[in-house]
Amino acid sequence: MKRRKKRKNLFRYIYILFVLLLVFFLVVILASSIIRYKVNLNELNQVKKQYEELKGKYEKNLIIYEKLKMLREGRK
């Protein structure tokens, strides 16, 4: 009878350790996902900022190009 109790207790401890291990992996995966999300969000914001700057420069250059094009056509 004592052997059965020992066996049951052993399986119970193994089961608890297994569940704790799974919970630990879940926590690690969630933490790494949150960190990765924040890093990607920061990179996205940087790319958006660079895009807006380049868009502004492009629009200014396009206006200058159109003015020069009109001046050139006016001379002909």
C-alpha atoms as a PDB file:
ATOM      1  CA  MET A   1       0.000   0.000   0.000  1.00  0.00           C
ATOM      2  CA  LYS A   2       2.845   2.379   0.786  1.00  0.00           C
ATOM      3  CA  ARG A   3       4.371   1.711  -2.616  1.00  0.00           C
ATOM      4  CA  ARG A   4       1.190   2.782  -4.375  1.00  0.00           C
ATOM      5  CA  LYS A   5       1.102   6.018  -2.404  1.00  0.00           C
ATOM      6  CA  LYS A   6       4.743   6.652  -3.208  1.00  0.00           C
ATOM      7  CA  ARG A   7       4.082   5.991  -6.868  1.00  0.00           C
ATOM      8  CA  LYS A   8       1.036   8.249  -6.901  1.00  0.00           C
ATOM      9  CA  ASN A   9       2.990  10.966  -5.138  1.00  0.00           C
ATOM     10  CA  LEU A  10       5.857  10.538  -7.593  1.00  0.00           C
ATOM     11  CA  PHE A  11       3.518  10.845 -10.589  1.00  0.00           C
ATOM     12  CA  ARG A  12       1.838  13.829  -8.953  1.00  0.00           C
ATOM     13  CA  TYR A  13       5.198  15.590  -8.517  1.00  0.00           C
ATOM     14  CA  ILE A  14       6.214  14.765 -12.078  1.00  0.00           C
ATOM     15  CA  TYR A  15       2.889  16.100 -13.345  1.00  0.00           C
ATOM     16  CA  ILE A  16       3.251  19.303 -11.309  1.00  0.00           C
ATOM     17  CA  LEU A  17       6.807  19.800 -12.571  1.00  0.00           C
ATOM     18  CA  PHE A  18       5.644  19.260 -16.155  1.00  0.00           C
ATOM     19  CA  VAL A  19       2.830  21.789 -15.776  1.00  0.00           C
ATOM     20  CA  LEU A  20       5.188  24.299 -14.161  1.00  0.00           C
ATOM     21  CA  LEU A  21       7.648  23.816 -17.020  1.00  0.00           C
ATOM     22  CA  LEU A  22       4.886  24.483 -19.565  1.00  0.00           C
ATOM     23  CA  VAL A  23       3.787  27.587 -17.675  1.00  0.00           C
ATOM     24  CA  PHE A  24       7.388  28.806 -17.565  1.00  0.00           C
ATOM     25  CA  PHE A  25       7.730  28.386 -21.342  1.00  0.00           C
ATOM     26  CA  LEU A  26       4.449  30.199 -21.847  1.00  0.00           C
ATOM     27  CA  VAL A  27       5.638  33.143 -19.741  1.00  0.00           C
ATOM     28  CA  VAL A  28       8.974  33.280 -21.583  1.00  0.00           C
ATOM     29  CA  ILE A  29       7.242  33.205 -24.982  1.00  0.00           C
ATOM     30  CA  LEU A  30       4.792  35.926 -23.958  1.00  0.00           C
ATOM     31  CA  ALA A  31       7.574  38.136 -22.600  1.00  0.00           C
ATOM     32  CA  SER A  32       9.683  37.752 -25.741  1.00  0.00           C
ATOM     33  CA  SER A  33       6.638  38.483 -27.925  1.00  0.00           C
ATOM     34  CA  ILE A  34       5.903  41.694 -26.025  1.00  0.00           C
ATOM     35  CA  ILE A  35       9.536  42.808 -26.304  1.00  0.00           C
ATOM     36  CA  ARG A  36       9.604  41.990 -30.022  1.00  0.00           C
ATOM     37  CA  TYR A  37       6.337  43.918 -30.550  1.00  0.00           C
ATOM     38  CA  LYS A  38       7.737  47.009 -28.827  1.00  0.00           C
ATOM     39  CA  VAL A  39      10.954  46.870 -30.851  1.00  0.00           C
ATOM     40  CA  ASN A  40       9.018  46.501 -34.117  1.00  0.00           C
ATOM     41  CA  LEU A  41       6.725  49.380 -33.126  1.00  0.00           C
ATOM     42  CA  ASN A  42       9.735  51.638 -32.512  1.00  0.00           C
ATOM     43  CA  GLU A  43      11.229  50.669 -35.872  1.00  0.00           C
ATOM     44  CA  LEU A  44       7.895  51.344 -37.579  1.00  0.00           C
ATOM     45  CA  ASN A  45       7.711  54.808 -36.025  1.00  0.00           C
ATOM     46  CA  GLN A  46      11.256  55.579 -37.192  1.00  0.00           C
ATOM     47  CA  VAL A  47      10.457  54.466 -40.742  1.00  0.00           C
ATOM     48  CA  LYS A  48       7.263  56.566 -40.750  1.00  0.00           C
ATOM     49  CA  LYS A  49       9.246  59.601 -39.608  1.00  0.00           C
ATOM     50  CA  GLN A  50      11.851  59.074 -42.350  1.00  0.00           C
ATOM     51  CA  TYR A  51       9.062  58.609 -44.907  1.00  0.00           C
ATOM     52  CA  GLU A  52       7.394  61.882 -43.923  1.00  0.00           C
ATOM     53  CA  GLU A  53      10.721  63.742 -44.172  1.00  0.00           C
ATOM     54  CA  LEU A  54      11.482  62.296 -47.609  1.00  0.00           C
ATOM     55  CA  LYS A  55       7.934  62.968 -48.769  1.00  0.00           C
ATOM     56  CA  GLY A  56       8.285  66.636 -47.816  1.00  0.00           C
ATOM     57  CA  LYS A  57      11.617  66.937 -49.635  1.00  0.00           C
ATOM     58  CA  TYR A  58      10.181  65.206 -52.705  1.00  0.00           C
ATOM     59  CA  GLU A  59       7.173  67.520 -52.821  1.00  0.00           C
ATOM     60  CA  LYS A  60       9.414  70.610 -52.570  1.00  0.00           C
ATOM     61  CA  ASN A  61      11.629  69.312 -55.375  1.00  0.00           C
ATOM     62  CA  LEU A  62       8.575  68.486 -57.474  1.00  0.00           C
ATOM     63  CA  ILE A  63       7.271  72.052 -57.115  1.00  0.00           C
ATOM     64  CA  ILE A  64      10.672  73.441 -58.128  1.00  0.00           C
ATOM     65  CA  TYR A  65      10.769  71.051 -61.095  1.00  0.00           C
ATOM     66  CA  GLU A  66       7.308  72.132 -62.257  1.00  0.00           C
ATOM     67  CA  LYS A  67       8.259  75.817 -62.007  1.00  0.00           C
ATOM     68  CA  LEU A  68      11.457  75.270 -63.992  1.00  0.00           C
ATOM     69  CA  LYS A  69       9.543  73.253 -66.564  1.00  0.00           C
ATOM     70  CA  MET A  70       7.027  76.071 -67.008  1.00  0.00           C
ATOM     71  CA  LEU A  71       9.822  78.643 -67.332  1.00  0.00           C
ATOM     72  CA  ARG A  72      11.526  76.515 -69.935  1.00  0.00           C
ATOM     73  CA  GLU A  73       8.301  76.121 -71.921  1.00  0.00           C
ATOM     74  CA  GLY A  74       7.666  79.868 -71.640  1.00  0.00           C
ATOM     75  CA  ARG A  75      11.040  80.633 -73.273  1.00  0.00           C
ATOM     76  CA  LYS A  76      10.277  78.455 -76.283  1.00  0.00           C
END
